[in-house]
């Protein structure tokens, strides 16, 4: 089991990897408004989101990572999105 807690400006991402399902289950929350979004993400989606959240979207890899991350985040409230 792996756990992650990542705070990016006003967004807090907390997740735990379920080794049986190979999914990251967790919550992304806006610390200002209290809005929350529960999620289940694949390893690829979680990795892309964490990279984009930490490194930003100005890296050469960003375009490819957005193609992985965006489908998972399309219905999330804007306040809970951990990427730019």
N, C-alpha and C. Protein backbone atom coordinates (compact mmCIF):
# COMPACT_ATOMS: atom_id res chain seq x y z
N UNK A 1 0.84 -1.17 0.00
CA UNK A 1 0.00 0.00 0.00
C UNK A 1 0.89 1.24 0.00
N UNK A 2 0.52 2.20 -0.81
CA UNK A 2 1.21 3.48 -0.89
C UNK A 2 0.18 4.57 -0.61
N UNK A 3 0.57 5.56 0.18
CA UNK A 3 -0.29 6.71 0.45
C UNK A 3 0.41 7.97 0.00
N UNK A 4 -0.40 8.95 -0.42
CA UNK A 4 0.15 10.22 -0.83
C UNK A 4 -0.73 11.34 -0.29
N UNK A 5 -0.08 12.41 0.14
CA UNK A 5 -0.77 13.63 0.52
C UNK A 5 0.02 14.77 -0.11
N UNK A 6 -0.61 15.48 -1.01
CA UNK A 6 0.05 16.53 -1.76
C UNK A 6 -0.78 17.80 -1.67
N UNK A 7 -0.17 18.88 -1.21
CA UNK A 7 -0.87 20.16 -1.12
C UNK A 7 -0.27 21.09 -2.17
N UNK A 8 -1.12 21.53 -3.08
CA UNK A 8 -0.71 22.40 -4.19
C UNK A 8 -1.53 23.69 -4.10
N UNK A 9 -0.93 24.73 -3.57
CA UNK A 9 -1.61 25.99 -3.34
C UNK A 9 -2.86 25.76 -2.52
N UNK A 10 -4.05 25.85 -3.13
CA UNK A 10 -5.31 25.71 -2.39
C UNK A 10 -5.94 24.33 -2.52
N UNK A 11 -5.26 23.40 -3.18
CA UNK A 11 -5.82 22.07 -3.40
C UNK A 11 -5.02 21.02 -2.65
N UNK A 12 -5.75 20.15 -1.95
CA UNK A 12 -5.11 19.06 -1.21
C UNK A 12 -5.56 17.74 -1.82
N UNK A 13 -4.59 16.93 -2.22
CA UNK A 13 -4.85 15.64 -2.84
C UNK A 13 -4.36 14.56 -1.89
N UNK A 14 -5.29 13.70 -1.45
CA UNK A 14 -4.95 12.59 -0.57
C UNK A 14 -5.44 11.31 -1.21
N UNK A 15 -4.54 10.31 -1.27
CA UNK A 15 -4.94 9.06 -1.93
C UNK A 15 -4.15 7.89 -1.37
N UNK A 16 -4.72 6.72 -1.59
CA UNK A 16 -4.10 5.46 -1.19
C UNK A 16 -4.24 4.49 -2.35
N UNK A 17 -3.16 3.79 -2.64
CA UNK A 17 -3.20 2.83 -3.76
C UNK A 17 -3.67 1.48 -3.24
N UNK A 18 -4.70 0.95 -3.88
CA UNK A 18 -5.22 -0.38 -3.57
C UNK A 18 -4.47 -1.37 -4.46
N UNK A 19 -3.61 -2.17 -3.86
CA UNK A 19 -2.81 -3.11 -4.64
C UNK A 19 -3.64 -4.19 -5.32
N UNK A 20 -4.80 -4.51 -4.78
CA UNK A 20 -5.65 -5.54 -5.38
C UNK A 20 -6.27 -5.05 -6.69
N UNK A 21 -6.68 -3.80 -6.72
CA UNK A 21 -7.32 -3.26 -7.92
C UNK A 21 -6.38 -2.42 -8.77
N UNK A 22 -5.21 -2.09 -8.23
CA UNK A 22 -4.23 -1.21 -8.89
C UNK A 22 -4.82 0.16 -9.18
N UNK A 23 -5.68 0.65 -8.26
CA UNK A 23 -6.28 1.98 -8.39
C UNK A 23 -5.91 2.85 -7.20
N UNK A 24 -5.79 4.15 -7.47
CA UNK A 24 -5.61 5.14 -6.42
C UNK A 24 -6.99 5.65 -6.03
N UNK A 25 -7.37 5.49 -4.78
CA UNK A 25 -8.66 5.96 -4.27
C UNK A 25 -8.39 7.09 -3.29
N UNK A 26 -9.11 8.19 -3.46
CA UNK A 26 -8.86 9.30 -2.57
C UNK A 26 -9.82 10.45 -2.76
N UNK A 27 -9.36 11.60 -2.26
CA UNK A 27 -10.16 12.82 -2.30
C UNK A 27 -9.27 13.99 -2.66
N UNK A 28 -9.78 14.84 -3.50
CA UNK A 28 -9.14 16.11 -3.80
C UNK A 28 -10.05 17.19 -3.24
N UNK A 29 -9.48 18.11 -2.48
CA UNK A 29 -10.32 19.12 -1.85
C UNK A 29 -9.72 20.52 -1.98
N UNK A 30 -10.61 21.49 -2.05
CA UNK A 30 -10.22 22.89 -2.05
C UNK A 30 -10.21 23.36 -0.61
N UNK A 31 -9.05 23.79 -0.13
CA UNK A 31 -8.95 24.15 1.28
C UNK A 31 -9.68 25.44 1.61
N UNK A 32 -9.97 26.28 0.62
CA UNK A 32 -10.67 27.54 0.88
C UNK A 32 -12.18 27.37 0.96
N UNK A 33 -12.75 26.59 0.03
CA UNK A 33 -14.21 26.46 -0.03
C UNK A 33 -14.73 25.20 0.66
N UNK A 34 -13.84 24.21 0.86
CA UNK A 34 -14.27 22.95 1.45
C UNK A 34 -14.85 21.97 0.44
N UNK A 35 -14.92 22.37 -0.84
CA UNK A 35 -15.43 21.44 -1.87
C UNK A 35 -14.50 20.24 -1.97
N UNK A 36 -15.10 19.07 -2.22
CA UNK A 36 -14.33 17.83 -2.30
C UNK A 36 -14.77 17.02 -3.50
N UNK A 37 -13.82 16.25 -4.02
CA UNK A 37 -14.08 15.34 -5.12
C UNK A 37 -13.42 14.00 -4.81
N UNK A 38 -14.23 12.96 -4.63
CA UNK A 38 -13.69 11.61 -4.45
C UNK A 38 -13.30 11.06 -5.81
N UNK A 39 -12.30 10.18 -5.83
CA UNK A 39 -11.84 9.66 -7.11
C UNK A 39 -11.25 8.26 -6.98
N UNK A 40 -11.19 7.59 -8.13
CA UNK A 40 -10.41 6.38 -8.34
C UNK A 40 -9.66 6.60 -9.64
N UNK A 41 -8.34 6.51 -9.58
CA UNK A 41 -7.49 6.78 -10.74
C UNK A 41 -6.54 5.63 -10.99
N UNK A 42 -6.17 5.46 -12.24
CA UNK A 42 -5.16 4.46 -12.58
C UNK A 42 -3.77 5.02 -12.20
N UNK A 43 -2.78 4.16 -12.24
CA UNK A 43 -1.40 4.61 -11.97
C UNK A 43 -0.98 5.70 -12.95
N UNK A 44 -1.29 5.51 -14.23
CA UNK A 44 -0.92 6.51 -15.24
C UNK A 44 -1.59 7.85 -14.98
N UNK A 45 -2.89 7.82 -14.65
CA UNK A 45 -3.61 9.07 -14.39
C UNK A 45 -3.04 9.77 -13.15
N UNK A 46 -2.82 9.02 -12.09
CA UNK A 46 -2.30 9.62 -10.86
C UNK A 46 -0.91 10.20 -11.09
N UNK A 47 -0.06 9.47 -11.79
CA UNK A 47 1.29 9.95 -12.07
C UNK A 47 1.26 11.24 -12.89
N UNK A 48 0.41 11.27 -13.91
CA UNK A 48 0.31 12.47 -14.76
C UNK A 48 -0.19 13.66 -13.95
N UNK A 49 -1.18 13.46 -13.11
CA UNK A 49 -1.74 14.55 -12.30
C UNK A 49 -0.71 15.07 -11.31
N UNK A 50 -0.01 14.17 -10.64
CA UNK A 50 1.00 14.60 -9.66
C UNK A 50 2.13 15.35 -10.36
N UNK A 51 2.60 14.84 -11.50
CA UNK A 51 3.67 15.53 -12.23
C UNK A 51 3.23 16.92 -12.66
N UNK A 52 2.05 17.03 -13.27
CA UNK A 52 1.57 18.33 -13.73
C UNK A 52 1.32 19.28 -12.56
N UNK A 53 0.82 18.75 -11.45
CA UNK A 53 0.57 19.59 -10.29
C UNK A 53 1.86 20.14 -9.69
N UNK A 54 2.89 19.33 -9.67
CA UNK A 54 4.16 19.76 -9.07
C UNK A 54 5.03 20.54 -10.05
N UNK A 55 5.10 20.10 -11.29
CA UNK A 55 6.03 20.70 -12.25
C UNK A 55 5.40 21.77 -13.13
N UNK A 56 4.07 21.79 -13.18
CA UNK A 56 3.39 22.76 -14.02
C UNK A 56 3.26 22.29 -15.44
N UNK A 57 2.70 23.15 -16.27
CA UNK A 57 2.41 22.76 -17.65
C UNK A 57 3.40 23.34 -18.66
N UNK A 58 4.54 23.81 -18.20
CA UNK A 58 5.52 24.39 -19.11
C UNK A 58 6.62 23.42 -19.50
N UNK A 59 6.59 22.22 -18.98
CA UNK A 59 7.57 21.20 -19.32
C UNK A 59 7.21 20.59 -20.67
N UNK A 60 8.20 20.09 -21.42
CA UNK A 60 7.91 19.48 -22.73
C UNK A 60 6.94 18.30 -22.64
N UNK A 61 6.93 17.59 -21.53
CA UNK A 61 6.07 16.41 -21.37
C UNK A 61 4.62 16.76 -21.09
N UNK A 62 4.33 18.02 -20.82
CA UNK A 62 3.01 18.42 -20.34
C UNK A 62 1.88 18.05 -21.30
N UNK A 63 2.06 18.25 -22.58
CA UNK A 63 0.98 17.97 -23.53
C UNK A 63 0.56 16.50 -23.49
N UNK A 64 1.54 15.61 -23.47
CA UNK A 64 1.24 14.17 -23.40
C UNK A 64 0.59 13.81 -22.07
N UNK A 65 1.03 14.44 -21.00
CA UNK A 65 0.47 14.14 -19.68
C UNK A 65 -0.96 14.65 -19.54
N UNK A 66 -1.26 15.80 -20.15
CA UNK A 66 -2.63 16.31 -20.14
C UNK A 66 -3.59 15.34 -20.84
N UNK A 67 -3.11 14.69 -21.90
CA UNK A 67 -3.97 13.71 -22.60
C UNK A 67 -4.32 12.54 -21.69
N UNK A 68 -3.46 12.24 -20.74
CA UNK A 68 -3.73 11.16 -19.78
C UNK A 68 -4.60 11.67 -18.63
N UNK A 69 -4.30 12.86 -18.14
CA UNK A 69 -4.96 13.38 -16.93
C UNK A 69 -6.36 13.96 -17.19
N UNK A 70 -6.52 14.69 -18.26
CA UNK A 70 -7.78 15.41 -18.50
C UNK A 70 -9.03 14.54 -18.51
N UNK A 71 -9.05 13.37 -19.15
CA UNK A 71 -10.28 12.57 -19.13
C UNK A 71 -10.72 12.19 -17.71
N UNK A 72 -9.77 12.00 -16.82
CA UNK A 72 -10.10 11.64 -15.45
C UNK A 72 -10.67 12.82 -14.67
N UNK A 73 -10.34 14.03 -15.07
CA UNK A 73 -10.73 15.23 -14.33
C UNK A 73 -11.90 16.00 -14.96
N UNK A 74 -12.44 15.50 -16.06
CA UNK A 74 -13.40 16.30 -16.83
C UNK A 74 -14.66 16.69 -16.06
N UNK A 75 -15.08 15.91 -15.08
CA UNK A 75 -16.29 16.25 -14.32
C UNK A 75 -16.01 16.77 -12.91
N UNK A 76 -14.75 17.04 -12.63
CA UNK A 76 -14.39 17.55 -11.31
C UNK A 76 -14.70 19.03 -11.20
N UNK A 77 -15.11 19.51 -10.01
CA UNK A 77 -15.25 20.95 -9.82
C UNK A 77 -13.90 21.63 -10.04
N UNK A 78 -13.90 22.78 -10.67
CA UNK A 78 -12.66 23.48 -10.99
C UNK A 78 -11.82 23.73 -9.73
N UNK A 79 -12.48 23.96 -8.61
CA UNK A 79 -11.75 24.25 -7.36
C UNK A 79 -10.96 23.02 -6.87
N UNK A 80 -11.37 21.84 -7.26
CA UNK A 80 -10.73 20.61 -6.78
C UNK A 80 -9.68 20.05 -7.74
N UNK A 81 -9.51 20.69 -8.87
CA UNK A 81 -8.54 20.19 -9.84
C UNK A 81 -7.12 20.51 -9.38
N UNK A 82 -6.27 19.51 -9.23
CA UNK A 82 -4.91 19.75 -8.73
C UNK A 82 -3.90 20.13 -9.82
N UNK A 83 -4.37 20.34 -11.05
CA UNK A 83 -3.45 20.71 -12.11
C UNK A 83 -3.87 22.05 -12.71
N UNK A 84 -2.91 22.77 -13.31
CA UNK A 84 -3.23 24.08 -13.90
C UNK A 84 -4.19 23.97 -15.07
